[in-house]
Amino acid sequence: MGTTAVDGDAGAVSRADGRALAAASVTVVLWASSFIAIRSSAGDFGPGALALGRLVVASIVLSALLLARRGGFPPREAWPGILASGVLWFGAYMVALNWGERHVDAGTASLVVNVGPILMALLGGWLLKEGFPPKLMAGMAVSFAGAVVVGLSMSGGGTSSLVGVLLCLFAALAYAVGAVLQKPTLKHATPMQVTTFGALAGAVACLPFAGQLVSQVSRAPISATLQMVYLGVFPTALAFTTWAYAVSRTTVGKMGATTYAVPVLVVFLSWLFLGEVPGWLTLLGGLLCLSGVAVSRMRGKGRAQVPEGARGSCAAARAEVSAESAQRTAG
């Protein structure tokens, strides 16, 4: 009886982890596609204007969905984390990354930004007490090595601008800190609330670029404007919501490791849509990235972990079984 309860709880944990992985996969695919859309529209929109347009579209879509689902406003305890992560991740990260990629090639930018998951794992282990599991650390190391290989293979041997590298490094830092701040916020608010009001906070932070956006939208071709709308609806509104859902059900470190699959998909999508054929070194780096993600999400062969609440119910069930056994013995 007690064993059945434990097995049932372990199965529930496994199903929850599977749903989190599915949500993370949606995030990874859509974030990878955003690199293609950004490259296609970068010639028509400045870094700040593109970030603001993307966030305005995302805010409209998310607000409509939140109203339709009667999601309401987050509680007071959630607002500091929502505002901080929104300004850093939705606002500063997007502007810095768009700006940085104007100064460095795609491979160098990808390599520098992939410092973010490492910072996430370290900050999550330190600030959120998630610890530093050996398999997670090993997987991060393998994936980072793969990111280095991908970055070197795509760099084309050109010299990188120091300004561009610093901007991409700042983007990685904003990404990591914003993601870590979001994790405890999800204890007080739903993923939809956190994403919606985070996007709104980021849009407000980018309002200084409003004049530039209006001017550039009036001159940009419809294809570039549609790319910006795509960025707002899918890689932002949908992907950040699935990210928040997944990170509320797993650790920040595991989610960060999962995003190492993004460069692999970017290489594939670049070949598919932009005609950029990857070399064997790029493919090798992509394989390393995926291998690291697999290692980081491996489970030990021991007993499955059970949430604290489930442990309490299991303990109660075992105590009940022990009491019944004692009564039968006494009878």
C-alpha atoms as a PDB file:
ATOM      1  CA  MET A   1       0.000   0.000   0.000  1.00  0.00           C
ATOM      2  CA  GLY A   2       2.760   2.463   0.996  1.00  0.00           C
ATOM      3  CA  THR A   3       4.877   1.387  -1.984  1.00  0.00           C
ATOM      4  CA  THR A   4       1.953   2.008  -4.327  1.00  0.00           C
ATOM      5  CA  ALA A   5       1.591   5.571  -3.002  1.00  0.00           C
ATOM      6  CA  VAL A   6       5.288   6.270  -3.532  1.00  0.00           C
ATOM      7  CA  ASP A   7       5.192   4.790  -7.032  1.00  0.00           C
ATOM      8  CA  GLY A   8       2.138   6.887  -7.850  1.00  0.00           C
ATOM      9  CA  ASP A   9       3.807  10.070  -6.657  1.00  0.00           C
ATOM     10  CA  ALA A  10       6.980   9.251  -8.586  1.00  0.00           C
ATOM     11  CA  GLY A  11       4.855   8.718 -11.705  1.00  0.00           C
ATOM     12  CA  ALA A  12       3.197  12.098 -11.182  1.00  0.00           C
ATOM     13  CA  VAL A  13       6.607  13.744 -10.880  1.00  0.00           C
ATOM     14  CA  SER A  14       7.731  12.003 -14.085  1.00  0.00           C
ATOM     15  CA  ARG A  15       4.651  13.228 -15.967  1.00  0.00           C
ATOM     16  CA  ALA A  16       5.175  16.772 -14.660  1.00  0.00           C
ATOM     17  CA  ASP A  17       8.805  16.686 -15.798  1.00  0.00           C
ATOM     18  CA  GLY A  18       7.669  15.446 -19.207  1.00  0.00           C
ATOM     19  CA  ARG A  19       5.250  18.357 -19.559  1.00  0.00           C
ATOM     20  CA  ALA A  20       7.985  20.777 -18.513  1.00  0.00           C
ATOM     21  CA  LEU A  21      10.327  19.295 -21.127  1.00  0.00           C
ATOM     22  CA  ALA A  22       7.636  19.606 -23.817  1.00  0.00           C
ATOM     23  CA  ALA A  23       7.081  23.268 -22.905  1.00  0.00           C
ATOM     24  CA  ALA A  24      10.847  23.870 -22.914  1.00  0.00           C
ATOM     25  CA  SER A  25      11.074  22.289 -26.377  1.00  0.00           C
ATOM     26  CA  VAL A  26       8.482  24.749 -27.719  1.00  0.00           C
ATOM     27  CA  THR A  27      10.520  27.592 -26.226  1.00  0.00           C
ATOM     28  CA  VAL A  28      13.766  26.362 -27.760  1.00  0.00           C
ATOM     29  CA  VAL A  29      12.304  25.977 -31.265  1.00  0.00           C
ATOM     30  CA  LEU A  30      10.632  29.417 -31.238  1.00  0.00           C
ATOM     31  CA  TRP A  31      13.668  31.183 -29.766  1.00  0.00           C
ATOM     32  CA  ALA A  32      15.803  29.603 -32.480  1.00  0.00           C
ATOM     33  CA  SER A  33      13.425  30.899 -35.148  1.00  0.00           C
ATOM     34  CA  SER A  34      13.718  34.405 -33.706  1.00  0.00           C
ATOM     35  CA  PHE A  35      17.342  34.625 -34.891  1.00  0.00           C
ATOM     36  CA  ILE A  36      16.156  34.183 -38.468  1.00  0.00           C
ATOM     37  CA  ALA A  37      13.418  36.809 -38.093  1.00  0.00           C
ATOM     38  CA  ILE A  38      15.797  39.280 -36.423  1.00  0.00           C
ATOM     39  CA  ARG A  39      18.341  38.891 -39.214  1.00  0.00           C
ATOM     40  CA  SER A  40      15.636  39.376 -41.851  1.00  0.00           C
ATOM     41  CA  SER A  41      14.294  42.599 -40.312  1.00  0.00           C
ATOM     42  CA  ALA A  42      17.491  44.110 -38.866  1.00  0.00           C
ATOM     43  CA  GLY A  43      18.131  46.190 -41.968  1.00  0.00           C
ATOM     44  CA  ASP A  44      14.828  48.030 -41.566  1.00  0.00           C
ATOM     45  CA  PHE A  45      14.601  48.473 -37.780  1.00  0.00           C
ATOM     46  CA  GLY A  46      17.103  49.711 -35.214  1.00  0.00           C
ATOM     47  CA  PRO A  47      17.869  47.568 -32.152  1.00  0.00           C
ATOM     48  CA  GLY A  48      15.638  49.573 -29.794  1.00  0.00           C
ATOM     49  CA  ALA A  49      12.804  50.004 -32.292  1.00  0.00           C
ATOM     50  CA  LEU A  50      12.765  46.285 -33.087  1.00  0.00           C
ATOM     51  CA  ALA A  51      12.706  45.386 -29.392  1.00  0.00           C
ATOM     52  CA  LEU A  52       9.885  47.857 -28.665  1.00  0.00           C
ATOM     53  CA  GLY A  53       7.785  46.733 -31.639  1.00  0.00           C
ATOM     54  CA  ARG A  54       8.238  43.094 -30.655  1.00  0.00           C
ATOM     55  CA  LEU A  55       7.239  43.813 -27.048  1.00  0.00           C
ATOM     56  CA  VAL A  56       4.210  45.931 -27.990  1.00  0.00           C
ATOM     57  CA  VAL A  57       2.856  43.107 -30.164  1.00  0.00           C
ATOM     58  CA  ALA A  58       3.570  40.543 -27.414  1.00  0.00           C
ATOM     59  CA  SER A  59       1.917  42.725 -24.761  1.00  0.00           C
ATOM     60  CA  ILE A  60      -1.261  43.100 -26.844  1.00  0.00           C
ATOM     61  CA  VAL A  61      -1.524  39.359 -27.488  1.00  0.00           C
ATOM     62  CA  LEU A  62      -0.758  38.377 -23.896  1.00  0.00           C
ATOM     63  CA  SER A  63      -3.115  40.959 -22.393  1.00  0.00           C
ATOM     64  CA  ALA A  64      -5.951  39.744 -24.631  1.00  0.00           C
ATOM     65  CA  LEU A  65      -5.319  36.131 -23.595  1.00  0.00           C
ATOM     66  CA  LEU A  66      -5.100  37.060 -19.920  1.00  0.00           C
ATOM     67  CA  LEU A  67      -8.414  38.939 -20.101  1.00  0.00           C
ATOM     68  CA  ALA A  68     -10.074  36.063 -21.980  1.00  0.00           C
ATOM     69  CA  ARG A  69      -8.914  33.608 -19.331  1.00  0.00           C
ATOM     70  CA  ARG A  70      -9.761  36.023 -16.507  1.00  0.00           C
ATOM     71  CA  GLY A  71      -6.224  35.709 -15.215  1.00  0.00           C
ATOM     72  CA  GLY A  72      -6.411  38.897 -13.162  1.00  0.00           C
ATOM     73  CA  PHE A  73      -3.568  40.877 -11.643  1.00  0.00           C
ATOM     74  CA  PRO A  74      -0.627  39.246  -9.841  1.00  0.00           C
ATOM     75  CA  PRO A  75      -0.508  39.565  -6.044  1.00  0.00           C
ATOM     76  CA  ARG A  76       1.613  42.277  -4.491  1.00  0.00           C
ATOM     77  CA  GLU A  77       4.421  39.840  -3.614  1.00  0.00           C
ATOM     78  CA  ALA A  78       5.014  39.050  -7.293  1.00  0.00           C
ATOM     79  CA  TRP A  79       5.464  42.600  -8.585  1.00  0.00           C
ATOM     80  CA  PRO A  80       9.133  43.201  -7.643  1.00  0.00           C
ATOM     81  CA  GLY A  81      10.229  40.064  -9.506  1.00  0.00           C
ATOM     82  CA  ILE A  82       7.946  40.742 -12.476  1.00  0.00           C
ATOM     83  CA  LEU A  83       9.199  44.306 -12.914  1.00  0.00           C
ATOM     84  CA  ALA A  84      12.870  43.422 -12.429  1.00  0.00           C
ATOM     85  CA  SER A  85      12.828  40.410 -14.762  1.00  0.00           C
ATOM     86  CA  GLY A  86      10.686  42.303 -17.287  1.00  0.00           C
ATOM     87  CA  VAL A  87      13.027  45.280 -17.516  1.00  0.00           C
ATOM     88  CA  LEU A  88      16.158  43.119 -17.596  1.00  0.00           C
ATOM     89  CA  TRP A  89      15.096  40.168 -19.729  1.00  0.00           C
ATOM     90  CA  PHE A  90      12.358  41.553 -21.968  1.00  0.00           C
ATOM     91  CA  GLY A  91      13.843  45.029 -22.274  1.00  0.00           C
ATOM     92  CA  ALA A  92      17.605  45.240 -21.757  1.00  0.00           C
ATOM     93  CA  TYR A  93      18.401  41.774 -23.139  1.00  0.00           C
ATOM     94  CA  MET A  94      16.552  42.295 -26.424  1.00  0.00           C
ATOM     95  CA  VAL A  95      17.989  45.750 -27.075  1.00  0.00           C
ATOM     96  CA  ALA A  96      21.541  44.701 -26.175  1.00  0.00           C
ATOM     97  CA  LEU A  97      21.415  41.556 -28.306  1.00  0.00           C
ATOM     98  CA  ASN A  98      19.980  43.390 -31.335  1.00  0.00           C
ATOM     99  CA  TRP A  99      22.631  46.059 -30.930  1.00  0.00           C
ATOM    100  CA  GLY A 100      25.493  43.659 -30.330  1.00  0.00           C
ATOM    101  CA  GLU A 101      24.775  41.666 -33.474  1.00  0.00           C
ATOM    102  CA  ARG A 102      25.361  44.828 -35.506  1.00  0.00           C
ATOM    103  CA  HIS A 103      29.005  44.796 -34.406  1.00  0.00           C
ATOM    104  CA  VAL A 104      29.930  41.089 -34.290  1.00  0.00           C
ATOM    105  CA  ASP A 105      29.218  38.119 -36.508  1.00  0.00           C
ATOM    106  CA  ALA A 106      26.500  35.628 -35.623  1.00  0.00           C
ATOM    107  CA  GLY A 107      28.943  32.970 -34.414  1.00  0.00           C
ATOM    108  CA  THR A 108      30.675  35.280 -31.945  1.00  0.00           C
ATOM    109  CA  ALA A 109      27.346  36.639 -30.690  1.00  0.00           C
ATOM    110  CA  SER A 110      26.013  33.105 -30.180  1.00  0.00           C
ATOM    111  CA  LEU A 111      29.151  32.102 -28.294  1.00  0.00           C
ATOM    112  CA  VAL A 112      29.068  35.113 -25.941  1.00  0.00           C
ATOM    113  CA  VAL A 113      25.328  34.928 -25.246  1.00  0.00           C
ATOM    114  CA  ASN A 114      25.695  31.234 -24.401  1.00  0.00           C
ATOM    115  CA  VAL A 115      27.505  32.328 -21.260  1.00  0.00           C
ATOM    116  CA  GLY A 116      23.948  33.028 -20.025  1.00  0.00           C
ATOM    117  CA  PRO A 117      22.978  29.423 -19.154  1.00  0.00           C
ATOM    118  CA  ILE A 118      26.242  28.995 -17.230  1.00  0.00           C
ATOM    119  CA  LEU A 119      25.452  32.139 -15.221  1.00  0.00           C
ATOM    120  CA  MET A 120      21.879  30.892 -14.704  1.00  0.00           C
ATOM    121  CA  ALA A 121      23.074  27.591 -13.275  1.00  0.00           C
ATOM    122  CA  LEU A 122      25.554  29.318 -10.969  1.00  0.00           C
ATOM    123  CA  LEU A 123      23.069  31.964  -9.797  1.00  0.00           C
ATOM    124  CA  GLY A 124      20.318  29.360  -9.387  1.00  0.00           C
ATOM    125  CA  GLY A 125      22.583  27.114  -7.327  1.00  0.00           C
ATOM    126  CA  TRP A 126      23.698  30.015  -5.135  1.00  0.00           C
ATOM    127  CA  LEU A 127      20.657  32.300  -4.766  1.00  0.00           C
ATOM    128  CA  LEU A 128      17.825  29.789  -5.204  1.00  0.00           C
ATOM    129  CA  LYS A 129      19.594  26.954  -3.334  1.00  0.00           C
ATOM    130  CA  GLU A 130      19.162  24.595  -6.294  1.00  0.00           C
ATOM    131  CA  GLY A 131      22.616  23.187  -5.696  1.00  0.00           C
ATOM    132  CA  PHE A 132      25.188  22.124  -8.260  1.00  0.00           C
ATOM    133  CA  PRO A 133      24.279  18.558  -9.386  1.00  0.00           C
ATOM    134  CA  PRO A 134      27.287  16.860 -11.002  1.00  0.00           C
ATOM    135  CA  LYS A 135      25.311  15.754 -14.081  1.00  0.00           C
ATOM    136  CA  LEU A 136      24.011  19.268 -14.624  1.00  0.00           C
ATOM    137  CA  MET A 137      27.493  20.740 -14.345  1.00  0.00           C
ATOM    138  CA  ALA A 138      28.912  18.065 -16.680  1.00  0.00           C
ATOM    139  CA  GLY A 139      26.151  18.654 -19.207  1.00  0.00           C
ATOM    140  CA  MET A 140      26.689  22.420 -19.084  1.00  0.00           C
ATOM    141  CA  ALA A 141      30.410  21.922 -19.727  1.00  0.00           C
ATOM    142  CA  VAL A 142      29.767  19.653 -22.732  1.00  0.00           C
ATOM    143  CA  SER A 143      27.146  22.024 -24.162  1.00  0.00           C
ATOM    144  CA  PHE A 144      29.370  25.051 -23.665  1.00  0.00           C
ATOM    145  CA  ALA A 145      32.179  23.260 -25.499  1.00  0.00           C
ATOM    146  CA  GLY A 146      29.723  22.618 -28.315  1.00  0.00           C
ATOM    147  CA  ALA A 147      28.715  26.299 -28.336  1.00  0.00           C
ATOM    148  CA  VAL A 148      32.400  27.256 -28.613  1.00  0.00           C
ATOM    149  CA  VAL A 149      32.817  24.929 -31.600  1.00  0.00           C
ATOM    150  CA  VAL A 150      29.670  26.321 -33.277  1.00  0.00           C
ATOM    151  CA  GLY A 151      30.814  29.880 -32.608  1.00  0.00           C
ATOM    152  CA  LEU A 152      34.290  29.290 -34.016  1.00  0.00           C
ATOM    153  CA  SER A 153      32.924  27.496 -37.065  1.00  0.00           C
ATOM    154  CA  MET A 154      30.538  30.380 -37.862  1.00  0.00           C
ATOM    155  CA  SER A 155      32.889  33.261 -37.078  1.00  0.00           C
ATOM    156  CA  GLY A 156      34.489  33.300 -40.545  1.00  0.00           C
ATOM    157  CA  GLY A 157      37.827  34.314 -39.089  1.00  0.00           C
ATOM    158  CA  GLY A 158      36.865  37.991 -38.816  1.00  0.00           C
ATOM    159  CA  THR A 159      37.927  40.268 -35.996  1.00  0.00           C
ATOM    160  CA  SER A 160      35.166  41.000 -33.495  1.00  0.00           C
ATOM    161  CA  SER A 161      34.317  44.440 -32.231  1.00  0.00           C
ATOM    162  CA  LEU A 162      34.975  44.871 -28.521  1.00  0.00           C
ATOM    163  CA  VAL A 163      31.788  46.935 -28.261  1.00  0.00           C
ATOM    164  CA  GLY A 164      29.758  44.137 -29.817  1.00  0.00           C
ATOM    165  CA  VAL A 165      31.255  41.510 -27.523  1.00  0.00           C
ATOM    166  CA  LEU A 166      30.552  43.644 -24.458  1.00  0.00           C
ATOM    167  CA  LEU A 167      26.964  44.228 -25.593  1.00  0.00           C
ATOM    168  CA  CYS A 168      26.403  40.488 -26.083  1.00  0.00           C
ATOM    169  CA  LEU A 169      27.984  39.775 -22.710  1.00  0.00           C
ATOM    170  CA  PHE A 170      25.646  42.310 -21.111  1.00  0.00           C
ATOM    171  CA  ALA A 171      22.739  40.618 -22.904  1.00  0.00           C
ATOM    172  CA  ALA A 172      23.796  37.253 -21.446  1.00  0.00           C
ATOM    173  CA  LEU A 173      24.022  38.745 -17.959  1.00  0.00           C
ATOM    174  CA  ALA A 174      20.595  40.410 -18.253  1.00  0.00           C
ATOM    175  CA  TYR A 175      19.141  37.138 -19.537  1.00  0.00           C
ATOM    176  CA  ALA A 176      20.595  35.109 -16.661  1.00  0.00           C
ATOM    177  CA  VAL A 177      19.648  37.520 -13.868  1.00  0.00           C
ATOM    178  CA  GLY A 178      16.156  38.049 -15.299  1.00  0.00           C
ATOM    179  CA  ALA A 179      15.532  34.301 -15.550  1.00  0.00           C
ATOM    180  CA  VAL A 180      16.754  33.678 -11.992  1.00  0.00           C
ATOM    181  CA  LEU A 181      14.587  36.503 -10.627  1.00  0.00           C
ATOM    182  CA  GLN A 182      11.584  35.035 -12.412  1.00  0.00           C
ATOM    183  CA  LYS A 183      11.799  31.640 -10.673  1.00  0.00           C
ATOM    184  CA  PRO A 184      10.730  32.717  -7.131  1.00  0.00           C
ATOM    185  CA  THR A 185       8.143  35.073  -8.649  1.00  0.00           C
ATOM    186  CA  LEU A 186       6.330  32.056 -10.094  1.00  0.00           C
ATOM    187  CA  LYS A 187       5.506  30.951  -6.546  1.00  0.00           C
ATOM    188  CA  HIS A 188       3.175  33.935  -6.241  1.00  0.00           C
ATOM    189  CA  ALA A 189       1.834  34.394  -9.794  1.00  0.00           C
ATOM    190  CA  THR A 190       0.875  32.229 -12.761  1.00  0.00           C
ATOM    191  CA  PRO A 191       3.176  31.839 -15.796  1.00  0.00           C
ATOM    192  CA  MET A 192       0.683  33.841 -17.884  1.00  0.00           C
ATOM    193  CA  GLN A 193       0.649  36.712 -15.371  1.00  0.00           C
ATOM    194  CA  VAL A 194       4.440  36.786 -15.067  1.00  0.00           C
ATOM    195  CA  THR A 195       4.929  36.764 -18.849  1.00  0.00           C
ATOM    196  CA  THR A 196       2.197  39.328 -19.604  1.00  0.00           C
ATOM    197  CA  PHE A 197       3.245  41.940 -17.082  1.00  0.00           C
ATOM    198  CA  GLY A 198       6.934  41.230 -17.710  1.00  0.00           C
ATOM    199  CA  ALA A 199       6.424  42.038 -21.383  1.00  0.00           C
ATOM    200  CA  LEU A 200       4.537  45.202 -20.442  1.00  0.00           C
ATOM    201  CA  ALA A 201       7.382  46.244 -18.136  1.00  0.00           C
ATOM    202  CA  GLY A 202       9.902  45.645 -20.907  1.00  0.00           C
ATOM    203  CA  ALA A 203       7.795  47.638 -23.381  1.00  0.00           C
ATOM    204  CA  VAL A 204       7.594  50.584 -20.970  1.00  0.00           C
ATOM    205  CA  ALA A 205      11.385  50.443 -20.513  1.00  0.00           C
ATOM    206  CA  CYS A 206      11.796  50.617 -24.324  1.00  0.00           C
ATOM    207  CA  LEU A 207       9.433  53.598 -24.801  1.00  0.00           C
ATOM    208  CA  PRO A 208      12.360  55.994 -25.518  1.00  0.00           C
ATOM    209  CA  PHE A 209      12.595  54.217 -28.904  1.00  0.00           C
ATOM    210  CA  ALA A 210       8.931  54.919 -29.759  1.00  0.00           C
ATOM    211  CA  GLY A 211       9.705  57.799 -32.136  1.00  0.00           C
ATOM    212  CA  GLN A 212      12.264  55.701 -34.000  1.00  0.00           C
ATOM    213  CA  LEU A 213       9.803  52.823 -34.263  1.00  0.00           C
ATOM    214  CA  VAL A 214       7.040  54.992 -35.724  1.00  0.00           C
ATOM    215  CA  SER A 215       9.442  56.494 -38.253  1.00  0.00           C
ATOM    216  CA  GLN A 216      10.907  53.153 -39.326  1.00  0.00           C
ATOM    217  CA  VAL A 217       7.544  51.343 -39.547  1.00  0.00           C
ATOM    218  CA  SER A 218       6.345  53.971 -42.039  1.00  0.00           C
ATOM    219  CA  ARG A 219       9.351  53.252 -44.297  1.00  0.00           C
ATOM    220  CA  ALA A 220       9.855  49.513 -43.762  1.00  0.00           C
ATOM    221  CA  PRO A 221       8.539  46.964 -46.286  1.00  0.00           C
ATOM    222  CA  ILE A 222       5.546  44.903 -45.186  1.00  0.00           C
ATOM    223  CA  SER A 223       7.726  41.772 -44.974  1.00  0.00           C
ATOM    224  CA  ALA A 224       9.954  43.359 -42.297  1.00  0.00           C
ATOM    225  CA  THR A 225       6.931  44.527 -40.308  1.00  0.00           C
ATOM    226  CA  LEU A 226       5.441  41.032 -40.477  1.00  0.00           C
ATOM    227  CA  GLN A 227       8.747  39.633 -39.183  1.00  0.00           C
ATOM    228  CA  MET A 228       8.478  41.980 -36.198  1.00  0.00           C
ATOM    229  CA  VAL A 229       4.886  40.868 -35.592  1.00  0.00           C
ATOM    230  CA  TYR A 230       6.034  37.236 -35.755  1.00  0.00           C
ATOM    231  CA  LEU A 231       8.735  37.972 -33.167  1.00  0.00           C
ATOM    232  CA  GLY A 232       6.115  39.429 -30.836  1.00  0.00           C
ATOM    233  CA  VAL A 233       3.526  36.665 -31.173  1.00  0.00           C
ATOM    234  CA  PHE A 234       5.602  33.483 -31.234  1.00  0.00           C
ATOM    235  CA  PRO A 235       9.186  33.826 -29.870  1.00  0.00           C
ATOM    236  CA  THR A 236       7.972  36.333 -27.234  1.00  0.00           C
ATOM    237  CA  ALA A 237       4.310  35.853 -26.249  1.00  0.00           C
ATOM    238  CA  LEU A 238       4.174  32.082 -26.705  1.00  0.00           C
ATOM    239  CA  ALA A 239       7.780  31.059 -26.048  1.00  0.00           C
ATOM    240  CA  PHE A 240       8.219  33.123 -22.888  1.00  0.00           C
ATOM    241  CA  THR A 241       4.941  31.706 -21.532  1.00  0.00           C
ATOM    242  CA  THR A 242       6.029  28.120 -22.151  1.00  0.00           C
ATOM    243  CA  TRP A 243       9.396  28.994 -20.591  1.00  0.00           C
ATOM    244  CA  ALA A 244       7.682  30.323 -17.444  1.00  0.00           C
ATOM    245  CA  TYR A 245       5.489  27.211 -17.298  1.00  0.00           C
ATOM    246  CA  ALA A 246       8.511  24.921 -17.601  1.00  0.00           C
ATOM    247  CA  VAL A 247      10.745  26.791 -15.155  1.00  0.00           C
ATOM    248  CA  SER A 248       7.948  26.738 -12.546  1.00  0.00           C
ATOM    249  CA  ARG A 249       8.143  22.929 -12.658  1.00  0.00           C
ATOM    250  CA  THR A 250      11.897  22.369 -12.784  1.00  0.00           C
ATOM    251  CA  THR A 251      15.139  24.109 -11.861  1.00  0.00           C
ATOM    252  CA  VAL A 252      16.628  27.180 -13.512  1.00  0.00           C
ATOM    253  CA  GLY A 253      19.841  25.234 -14.130  1.00  0.00           C
ATOM    254  CA  LYS A 254      18.086  22.488 -16.107  1.00  0.00           C
ATOM    255  CA  MET A 255      16.167  25.022 -18.177  1.00  0.00           C
ATOM    256  CA  GLY A 256      19.365  26.918 -18.915  1.00  0.00           C
ATOM    257  CA  ALA A 257      21.035  23.729 -20.088  1.00  0.00           C
ATOM    258  CA  THR A 258      18.079  22.986 -22.367  1.00  0.00           C
ATOM    259  CA  THR A 259      18.544  26.290 -24.205  1.00  0.00           C
ATOM    260  CA  TYR A 260      21.924  25.079 -25.475  1.00  0.00           C
ATOM    261  CA  ALA A 261      19.899  23.333 -28.187  1.00  0.00           C
ATOM    262  CA  VAL A 262      19.030  26.762 -29.640  1.00  0.00           C
ATOM    263  CA  PRO A 263      22.298  27.222 -31.652  1.00  0.00           C
ATOM    264  CA  VAL A 264      21.799  23.802 -33.226  1.00  0.00           C
ATOM    265  CA  LEU A 265      18.344  24.749 -34.479  1.00  0.00           C
ATOM    266  CA  VAL A 266      19.602  28.158 -35.624  1.00  0.00           C
ATOM    267  CA  VAL A 267      22.179  26.433 -37.839  1.00  0.00           C
ATOM    268  CA  PHE A 268      19.479  24.180 -39.326  1.00  0.00           C
ATOM    269  CA  LEU A 269      17.019  27.053 -39.876  1.00  0.00           C
ATOM    270  CA  SER A 270      19.752  29.214 -41.417  1.00  0.00           C
ATOM    271  CA  TRP A 271      20.444  26.449 -43.905  1.00  0.00           C
ATOM    272  CA  LEU A 272      16.716  25.942 -44.568  1.00  0.00           C
ATOM    273  CA  PHE A 273      15.615  29.572 -44.951  1.00  0.00           C
ATOM    274  CA  LEU A 274      18.783  31.565 -45.664  1.00  0.00           C
ATOM    275  CA  GLY A 275      20.713  29.033 -47.732  1.00  0.00           C
ATOM    276  CA  GLU A 276      23.677  28.989 -45.325  1.00  0.00           C
ATOM    277  CA  VAL A 277      25.052  25.445 -45.482  1.00  0.00           C
ATOM    278  CA  PRO A 278      26.717  24.396 -42.195  1.00  0.00           C
ATOM    279  CA  GLY A 279      30.160  22.835 -42.248  1.00  0.00           C
ATOM    280  CA  TRP A 280      31.161  19.619 -40.540  1.00  0.00           C
ATOM    281  CA  LEU A 281      32.679  21.557 -37.610  1.00  0.00           C
ATOM    282  CA  THR A 282      29.354  23.323 -37.039  1.00  0.00           C
ATOM    283  CA  LEU A 283      27.518  20.005 -37.091  1.00  0.00           C
ATOM    284  CA  LEU A 284      30.010  18.550 -34.605  1.00  0.00           C
ATOM    285  CA  GLY A 285      29.460  21.487 -32.267  1.00  0.00           C
ATOM    286  CA  GLY A 286      25.700  21.063 -32.581  1.00  0.00           C
ATOM    287  CA  LEU A 287      26.000  17.393 -31.647  1.00  0.00           C
ATOM    288  CA  LEU A 288      28.004  18.353 -28.555  1.00  0.00           C
ATOM    289  CA  CYS A 289      25.332  20.899 -27.565  1.00  0.00           C
ATOM    290  CA  LEU A 290      22.574  18.306 -27.791  1.00  0.00           C
ATOM    291  CA  SER A 291      24.684  15.720 -25.954  1.00  0.00           C
ATOM    292  CA  GLY A 292      25.229  18.157 -23.098  1.00  0.00           C
ATOM    293  CA  VAL A 293      21.498  18.819 -22.836  1.00  0.00           C
ATOM    294  CA  ALA A 294      20.857  15.070 -22.679  1.00  0.00           C
ATOM    295  CA  VAL A 295      23.468  14.613 -19.942  1.00  0.00           C
ATOM    296  CA  SER A 296      22.107  17.502 -17.872  1.00  0.00           C
ATOM    297  CA  ARG A 297      18.576  16.051 -17.899  1.00  0.00           C
ATOM    298  CA  MET A 298      19.594  12.467 -17.103  1.00  0.00           C
ATOM    299  CA  ARG A 299      18.186  10.950 -13.954  1.00  0.00           C
ATOM    300  CA  GLY A 300      20.026   8.793 -11.519  1.00  0.00           C
ATOM    301  CA  LYS A 301      19.151   5.119 -11.162  1.00  0.00           C
ATOM    302  CA  GLY A 302      18.129   5.617  -7.577  1.00  0.00           C
ATOM    303  CA  ARG A 303      14.697   6.380  -6.170  1.00  0.00           C
ATOM    304  CA  ALA A 304      12.757   9.058  -7.987  1.00  0.00           C
ATOM    305  CA  GLN A 305      12.511  12.389  -6.213  1.00  0.00           C
ATOM    306  CA  VAL A 306       9.124  13.198  -4.694  1.00  0.00           C
ATOM    307  CA  PRO A 307       7.952  16.729  -3.881  1.00  0.00           C
ATOM    308  CA  GLU A 308       7.787  17.771  -0.242  1.00  0.00           C
ATOM    309  CA  GLY A 309       3.992  17.741  -0.139  1.00  0.00           C
ATOM    310  CA  ALA A 310       3.885  14.268  -1.626  1.00  0.00           C
ATOM    311  CA  ARG A 311       6.457  13.058   0.901  1.00  0.00           C
ATOM    312  CA  GLY A 312       4.156  14.100   3.707  1.00  0.00           C
ATOM    313  CA  SER A 313       1.213  12.147   2.283  1.00  0.00           C
ATOM    314  CA  CYS A 314       3.440   9.113   1.687  1.00  0.00           C
ATOM    315  CA  ALA A 315       4.691   9.256   5.253  1.00  0.00           C
ATOM    316  CA  ALA A 316       1.119   9.456   6.508  1.00  0.00           C
ATOM    317  CA  ALA A 317       0.173   6.447   4.383  1.00  0.00           C
ATOM    318  CA  ARG A 318       3.100   4.443   5.762  1.00  0.00           C
ATOM    319  CA  ALA A 319       2.164   5.439   9.313  1.00  0.00           C
ATOM    320  CA  GLU A 320      -1.419   4.285   8.703  1.00  0.00           C
ATOM    321  CA  VAL A 321      -0.196   0.938   7.384  1.00  0.00           C
ATOM    322  CA  SER A 322       2.080   0.545  10.443  1.00  0.00           C
ATOM    323  CA  ALA A 323      -0.819   1.338  12.793  1.00  0.00           C
ATOM    324  CA  GLU A 324      -3.084  -1.227  11.100  1.00  0.00           C
ATOM    325  CA  SER A 325      -0.316  -3.814  11.311  1.00  0.00           C
ATOM    326  CA  ALA A 326       0.184  -3.104  15.021  1.00  0.00           C
ATOM    327  CA  GLN A 327      -3.555  -3.478  15.695  1.00  0.00           C
ATOM    328  CA  ARG A 328      -3.691  -6.822  13.895  1.00  0.00           C
ATOM    329  CA  THR A 329      -0.679  -7.988  15.895  1.00  0.00           C
ATOM    330  CA  ALA A 330      -2.281  -6.855  19.175  1.00  0.00           C
ATOM    331  CA  GLY A 331      -5.596  -8.574  18.237  1.00  0.00           C
END
